[in-house]
């Protein structure tokens, strides 16, 4: 009976030491993949391209918002001196323009999200290749993405964050890297 108790006690202790030994042999890293993607040269270029593409849409939305604001101001200023039919006409114009503006904004937002997803997916696929190679070359058993709020990582040391390394390696591998600084001259 005594040896059974020791055996039952020894199993969890051995399991604990075994798990500790394995954990000591496991190299873990973290990455903010969203930040990494947007920080690469390709990510910055994609963001700038989207800004350029959607600038006319933003201007159109701003103009429509200003027009609606001006109509509301006009209605408020002239409320006491304006005929009832004029007030109703301006109110209908405000309502029509507001509905049109909302549809325009929804369409623009949907198109922007679609274009962003397409650009991000392309960069993500290339980054995944870089990340896989980096993890294998540096002996990582696990790299966790901490960019989402649903990530179960509550704490991680800055020393295991590989985000900057992946950004630099991505830029080097895609030809977007800045030239290396020349080595200092030896005295």
C-alpha atoms as a PDB file:
ATOM      1  CA  UNK A   1       0.000   0.000   0.000  1.00  0.00           C
ATOM      2  CA  UNK A   2       2.876   2.381   0.781  1.00  0.00           C
ATOM      3  CA  UNK A   3       4.534   1.840  -2.609  1.00  0.00           C
ATOM      4  CA  UNK A   4       1.250   2.504  -4.376  1.00  0.00           C
ATOM      5  CA  UNK A   5       1.010   5.888  -2.660  1.00  0.00           C
ATOM      6  CA  UNK A   6       4.556   6.735  -3.685  1.00  0.00           C
ATOM      7  CA  UNK A   7       3.851   5.657  -7.246  1.00  0.00           C
ATOM      8  CA  UNK A   8       0.693   7.727  -7.389  1.00  0.00           C
ATOM      9  CA  UNK A   9       2.578  10.685  -5.958  1.00  0.00           C
ATOM     10  CA  UNK A  10       5.594  10.187  -8.226  1.00  0.00           C
ATOM     11  CA  UNK A  11       3.594  10.265 -11.467  1.00  0.00           C
ATOM     12  CA  UNK A  12       2.370  13.868 -11.091  1.00  0.00           C
ATOM     13  CA  UNK A  13       5.785  14.988  -9.855  1.00  0.00           C
ATOM     14  CA  UNK A  14       7.518  13.361 -12.816  1.00  0.00           C
ATOM     15  CA  UNK A  15       4.895  14.819 -15.144  1.00  0.00           C
ATOM     16  CA  UNK A  16       5.478  18.261 -13.649  1.00  0.00           C
ATOM     17  CA  UNK A  17       9.256  17.991 -14.025  1.00  0.00           C
ATOM     18  CA  UNK A  18       8.843  16.584 -17.525  1.00  0.00           C
ATOM     19  CA  UNK A  19       6.562  19.455 -18.508  1.00  0.00           C
ATOM     20  CA  UNK A  20       9.022  21.940 -17.003  1.00  0.00           C
ATOM     21  CA  UNK A  21      11.879  20.335 -18.922  1.00  0.00           C
ATOM     22  CA  UNK A  22       9.882  20.486 -22.169  1.00  0.00           C
ATOM     23  CA  UNK A  23       8.864  24.071 -21.494  1.00  0.00           C
ATOM     24  CA  UNK A  24      12.509  24.980 -20.985  1.00  0.00           C
ATOM     25  CA  UNK A  25      13.255  23.469 -24.403  1.00  0.00           C
ATOM     26  CA  UNK A  26      10.369  25.240 -26.146  1.00  0.00           C
ATOM     27  CA  UNK A  27      11.083  28.631 -27.685  1.00  0.00           C
ATOM     28  CA  UNK A  28       7.985  30.814 -27.881  1.00  0.00           C
ATOM     29  CA  UNK A  29       7.561  34.172 -29.593  1.00  0.00           C
ATOM     30  CA  UNK A  30       4.819  36.703 -30.166  1.00  0.00           C
ATOM     31  CA  UNK A  31       3.979  38.900 -33.126  1.00  0.00           C
ATOM     32  CA  UNK A  32       1.520  41.687 -33.740  1.00  0.00           C
ATOM     33  CA  UNK A  33       0.696  40.555 -37.263  1.00  0.00           C
ATOM     34  CA  UNK A  34      -1.608  43.489 -38.026  1.00  0.00           C
ATOM     35  CA  UNK A  35       1.044  45.958 -36.941  1.00  0.00           C
ATOM     36  CA  UNK A  36       3.695  44.036 -38.829  1.00  0.00           C
ATOM     37  CA  UNK A  37       1.691  44.046 -42.056  1.00  0.00           C
ATOM     38  CA  UNK A  38       0.934  47.766 -41.885  1.00  0.00           C
ATOM     39  CA  UNK A  39       4.552  48.582 -40.972  1.00  0.00           C
ATOM     40  CA  UNK A  40       6.149  46.876 -43.957  1.00  0.00           C
ATOM     41  CA  UNK A  41       6.944  48.966 -46.995  1.00  0.00           C
ATOM     42  CA  UNK A  42       4.261  47.058 -48.914  1.00  0.00           C
ATOM     43  CA  UNK A  43       1.763  47.763 -46.135  1.00  0.00           C
ATOM     44  CA  UNK A  44       2.597  51.462 -46.082  1.00  0.00           C
ATOM     45  CA  UNK A  45       2.360  51.641 -49.871  1.00  0.00           C
ATOM     46  CA  UNK A  46      -1.003  49.830 -49.856  1.00  0.00           C
ATOM     47  CA  UNK A  47      -2.291  52.283 -47.231  1.00  0.00           C
ATOM     48  CA  UNK A  48      -1.114  55.273 -49.258  1.00  0.00           C
ATOM     49  CA  UNK A  49      -2.642  53.815 -52.442  1.00  0.00           C
ATOM     50  CA  UNK A  50      -5.980  53.323 -50.679  1.00  0.00           C
ATOM     51  CA  UNK A  51      -5.862  56.872 -49.296  1.00  0.00           C
ATOM     52  CA  UNK A  52      -5.256  58.203 -52.818  1.00  0.00           C
ATOM     53  CA  UNK A  53      -7.981  56.045 -54.332  1.00  0.00           C
ATOM     54  CA  UNK A  54     -10.598  57.041 -51.765  1.00  0.00           C
ATOM     55  CA  UNK A  55      -9.700  60.739 -51.457  1.00  0.00           C
ATOM     56  CA  UNK A  56     -12.374  61.770 -54.013  1.00  0.00           C
ATOM     57  CA  UNK A  57     -14.962  59.757 -52.086  1.00  0.00           C
ATOM     58  CA  UNK A  58     -13.963  61.467 -48.834  1.00  0.00           C
ATOM     59  CA  UNK A  59     -14.276  64.848 -50.543  1.00  0.00           C
ATOM     60  CA  UNK A  60     -17.712  63.896 -51.875  1.00  0.00           C
ATOM     61  CA  UNK A  61     -18.841  62.891 -48.371  1.00  0.00           C
ATOM     62  CA  UNK A  62     -17.463  66.089 -46.817  1.00  0.00           C
ATOM     63  CA  UNK A  63     -19.216  68.215 -49.448  1.00  0.00           C
ATOM     64  CA  UNK A  64     -22.515  66.423 -48.848  1.00  0.00           C
ATOM     65  CA  UNK A  65     -22.149  66.829 -45.079  1.00  0.00           C
ATOM     66  CA  UNK A  66     -21.484  70.559 -45.510  1.00  0.00           C
ATOM     67  CA  UNK A  67     -24.491  70.909 -47.801  1.00  0.00           C
ATOM     68  CA  UNK A  68     -26.749  69.219 -45.238  1.00  0.00           C
ATOM     69  CA  UNK A  69     -25.323  71.381 -42.461  1.00  0.00           C
ATOM     70  CA  UNK A  70     -25.964  74.534 -44.508  1.00  0.00           C
ATOM     71  CA  UNK A  71     -29.566  73.476 -45.145  1.00  0.00           C
ATOM     72  CA  UNK A  72     -30.089  72.827 -41.414  1.00  0.00           C
ATOM     73  CA  UNK A  73     -28.575  76.216 -40.581  1.00  0.00           C
ATOM     74  CA  UNK A  74     -30.802  77.894 -43.178  1.00  0.00           C
ATOM     75  CA  UNK A  75     -33.869  76.184 -41.754  1.00  0.00           C
ATOM     76  CA  UNK A  76     -32.967  77.192 -38.217  1.00  0.00           C
ATOM     77  CA  UNK A  77     -32.161  80.835 -39.079  1.00  0.00           C
ATOM     78  CA  UNK A  78     -35.253  81.444 -41.153  1.00  0.00           C
ATOM     79  CA  UNK A  79     -37.684  79.306 -39.174  1.00  0.00           C
ATOM     80  CA  UNK A  80     -39.808  82.275 -38.034  1.00  0.00           C
ATOM     81  CA  UNK A  81     -39.823  84.140 -41.362  1.00  0.00           C
ATOM     82  CA  UNK A  82     -40.188  81.217 -43.780  1.00  0.00           C
ATOM     83  CA  UNK A  83     -43.482  79.848 -45.061  1.00  0.00           C
ATOM     84  CA  UNK A  84     -44.566  76.398 -43.895  1.00  0.00           C
ATOM     85  CA  UNK A  85     -44.219  74.948 -47.392  1.00  0.00           C
ATOM     86  CA  UNK A  86     -40.646  76.271 -47.666  1.00  0.00           C
ATOM     87  CA  UNK A  87     -39.777  74.739 -44.306  1.00  0.00           C
ATOM     88  CA  UNK A  88     -41.210  71.403 -45.399  1.00  0.00           C
ATOM     89  CA  UNK A  89     -39.307  71.542 -48.686  1.00  0.00           C
ATOM     90  CA  UNK A  90     -36.000  72.197 -46.926  1.00  0.00           C
ATOM     91  CA  UNK A  91     -36.758  69.418 -44.411  1.00  0.00           C
ATOM     92  CA  UNK A  92     -37.445  67.008 -47.319  1.00  0.00           C
ATOM     93  CA  UNK A  93     -34.200  68.103 -49.007  1.00  0.00           C
ATOM     94  CA  UNK A  94     -32.298  67.476 -45.782  1.00  0.00           C
ATOM     95  CA  UNK A  95     -33.880  64.040 -45.426  1.00  0.00           C
ATOM     96  CA  UNK A  96     -33.201  63.080 -49.063  1.00  0.00           C
ATOM     97  CA  UNK A  97     -29.600  64.298 -48.960  1.00  0.00           C
ATOM     98  CA  UNK A  98     -28.998  62.562 -45.614  1.00  0.00           C
ATOM     99  CA  UNK A  99     -30.275  59.242 -46.992  1.00  0.00           C
ATOM    100  CA  UNK A 100     -28.131  59.638 -50.112  1.00  0.00           C
ATOM    101  CA  UNK A 101     -25.105  60.505 -47.971  1.00  0.00           C
ATOM    102  CA  UNK A 102     -25.631  57.450 -45.758  1.00  0.00           C
ATOM    103  CA  UNK A 103     -25.839  55.166 -48.815  1.00  0.00           C
ATOM    104  CA  UNK A 104     -22.705  56.754 -50.282  1.00  0.00           C
ATOM    105  CA  UNK A 105     -20.831  56.310 -47.008  1.00  0.00           C
ATOM    106  CA  UNK A 106     -21.939  52.668 -46.659  1.00  0.00           C
ATOM    107  CA  UNK A 107     -20.922  51.884 -50.247  1.00  0.00           C
ATOM    108  CA  UNK A 108     -17.561  53.602 -49.836  1.00  0.00           C
ATOM    109  CA  UNK A 109     -16.922  51.812 -46.541  1.00  0.00           C
ATOM    110  CA  UNK A 110     -17.749  48.423 -48.061  1.00  0.00           C
ATOM    111  CA  UNK A 111     -15.506  49.069 -51.066  1.00  0.00           C
ATOM    112  CA  UNK A 112     -12.678  50.299 -48.833  1.00  0.00           C
ATOM    113  CA  UNK A 113     -12.923  47.225 -46.610  1.00  0.00           C
ATOM    114  CA  UNK A 114     -12.897  44.942 -49.646  1.00  0.00           C
ATOM    115  CA  UNK A 115      -9.824  46.656 -51.108  1.00  0.00           C
ATOM    116  CA  UNK A 116      -8.073  46.625 -47.710  1.00  0.00           C
ATOM    117  CA  UNK A 117      -8.770  42.910 -47.292  1.00  0.00           C
ATOM    118  CA  UNK A 118      -7.388  42.163 -50.742  1.00  0.00           C
ATOM    119  CA  UNK A 119      -4.195  44.122 -50.058  1.00  0.00           C
ATOM    120  CA  UNK A 120      -3.770  42.687 -46.566  1.00  0.00           C
ATOM    121  CA  UNK A 121      -4.331  39.133 -47.774  1.00  0.00           C
ATOM    122  CA  UNK A 122      -1.609  39.462 -50.391  1.00  0.00           C
ATOM    123  CA  UNK A 123       0.883  40.855 -47.870  1.00  0.00           C
ATOM    124  CA  UNK A 124      -0.166  38.308 -45.236  1.00  0.00           C
ATOM    125  CA  UNK A 125       0.519  35.394 -47.576  1.00  0.00           C
ATOM    126  CA  UNK A 126       4.030  36.687 -48.270  1.00  0.00           C
ATOM    127  CA  UNK A 127       4.583  37.430 -44.583  1.00  0.00           C
ATOM    128  CA  UNK A 128       3.507  33.906 -43.623  1.00  0.00           C
ATOM    129  CA  UNK A 129       6.354  32.487 -45.740  1.00  0.00           C
ATOM    130  CA  UNK A 130       8.818  34.856 -44.037  1.00  0.00           C
ATOM    131  CA  UNK A 131       7.425  34.016 -40.587  1.00  0.00           C
ATOM    132  CA  UNK A 132       7.632  30.256 -41.186  1.00  0.00           C
ATOM    133  CA  UNK A 133      11.250  30.511 -42.321  1.00  0.00           C
ATOM    134  CA  UNK A 134      12.158  32.807 -39.426  1.00  0.00           C
ATOM    135  CA  UNK A 135      10.578  30.468 -36.867  1.00  0.00           C
ATOM    136  CA  UNK A 136      12.418  27.444 -38.258  1.00  0.00           C
ATOM    137  CA  UNK A 137      15.749  29.265 -38.601  1.00  0.00           C
ATOM    138  CA  UNK A 138      15.583  30.603 -35.036  1.00  0.00           C
ATOM    139  CA  UNK A 139      14.243  27.454 -33.355  1.00  0.00           C
ATOM    140  CA  UNK A 140      10.783  28.696 -32.405  1.00  0.00           C
ATOM    141  CA  UNK A 141       8.233  26.038 -31.532  1.00  0.00           C
ATOM    142  CA  UNK A 142       5.385  28.522 -31.284  1.00  0.00           C
ATOM    143  CA  UNK A 143       4.735  32.133 -32.343  1.00  0.00           C
ATOM    144  CA  UNK A 144       1.457  33.651 -31.179  1.00  0.00           C
ATOM    145  CA  UNK A 145      -0.367  36.546 -32.829  1.00  0.00           C
ATOM    146  CA  UNK A 146      -1.241  39.134 -30.169  1.00  0.00           C
ATOM    147  CA  UNK A 147      -2.826  41.716 -32.475  1.00  0.00           C
ATOM    148  CA  UNK A 148      -6.416  40.685 -31.734  1.00  0.00           C
ATOM    149  CA  UNK A 149      -8.185  41.602 -28.514  1.00  0.00           C
ATOM    150  CA  UNK A 150      -9.494  38.023 -28.371  1.00  0.00           C
ATOM    151  CA  UNK A 151      -5.937  36.709 -28.062  1.00  0.00           C
ATOM    152  CA  UNK A 152      -5.624  34.688 -24.857  1.00  0.00           C
ATOM    153  CA  UNK A 153      -2.132  36.082 -24.158  1.00  0.00           C
ATOM    154  CA  UNK A 154      -2.382  38.206 -21.035  1.00  0.00           C
ATOM    155  CA  UNK A 155       1.324  38.855 -20.612  1.00  0.00           C
ATOM    156  CA  UNK A 156       4.372  38.396 -22.784  1.00  0.00           C
ATOM    157  CA  UNK A 157       7.884  39.642 -22.288  1.00  0.00           C
ATOM    158  CA  UNK A 158       9.115  42.175 -24.826  1.00  0.00           C
ATOM    159  CA  UNK A 159      12.103  39.891 -25.316  1.00  0.00           C
ATOM    160  CA  UNK A 160       9.984  37.345 -27.189  1.00  0.00           C
ATOM    161  CA  UNK A 161       8.336  39.845 -29.543  1.00  0.00           C
ATOM    162  CA  UNK A 162       9.527  39.085 -33.086  1.00  0.00           C
ATOM    163  CA  UNK A 163       7.379  41.699 -34.855  1.00  0.00           C
ATOM    164  CA  UNK A 164      10.255  44.046 -35.795  1.00  0.00           C
ATOM    165  CA  UNK A 165      12.442  41.148 -36.944  1.00  0.00           C
ATOM    166  CA  UNK A 166       9.658  39.902 -39.221  1.00  0.00           C
ATOM    167  CA  UNK A 167       9.023  43.384 -40.659  1.00  0.00           C
ATOM    168  CA  UNK A 168      12.722  43.815 -41.445  1.00  0.00           C
ATOM    169  CA  UNK A 169      13.037  40.328 -42.926  1.00  0.00           C
ATOM    170  CA  UNK A 170       9.870  40.816 -44.984  1.00  0.00           C
ATOM    171  CA  UNK A 171      11.140  44.102 -46.414  1.00  0.00           C
ATOM    172  CA  UNK A 172      14.509  42.502 -47.216  1.00  0.00           C
ATOM    173  CA  UNK A 173      12.889  39.526 -48.932  1.00  0.00           C
ATOM    174  CA  UNK A 174      10.479  41.609 -51.002  1.00  0.00           C
ATOM    175  CA  UNK A 175      13.106  44.000 -52.288  1.00  0.00           C
ATOM    176  CA  UNK A 176      11.670  46.932 -50.368  1.00  0.00           C
ATOM    177  CA  UNK A 177      14.460  47.176 -47.819  1.00  0.00           C
ATOM    178  CA  UNK A 178      16.521  50.289 -47.466  1.00  0.00           C
ATOM    179  CA  UNK A 179      20.177  49.908 -48.359  1.00  0.00           C
ATOM    180  CA  UNK A 180      22.368  48.809 -45.486  1.00  0.00           C
ATOM    181  CA  UNK A 181      24.514  51.456 -43.863  1.00  0.00           C
ATOM    182  CA  UNK A 182      28.170  51.190 -44.831  1.00  0.00           C
ATOM    183  CA  UNK A 183      30.451  49.602 -42.257  1.00  0.00           C
ATOM    184  CA  UNK A 184      32.563  52.100 -40.337  1.00  0.00           C
ATOM    185  CA  UNK A 185      36.123  52.430 -41.619  1.00  0.00           C
ATOM    186  CA  UNK A 186      38.758  50.690 -39.558  1.00  0.00           C
ATOM    187  CA  UNK A 187      41.365  53.048 -38.077  1.00  0.00           C
END
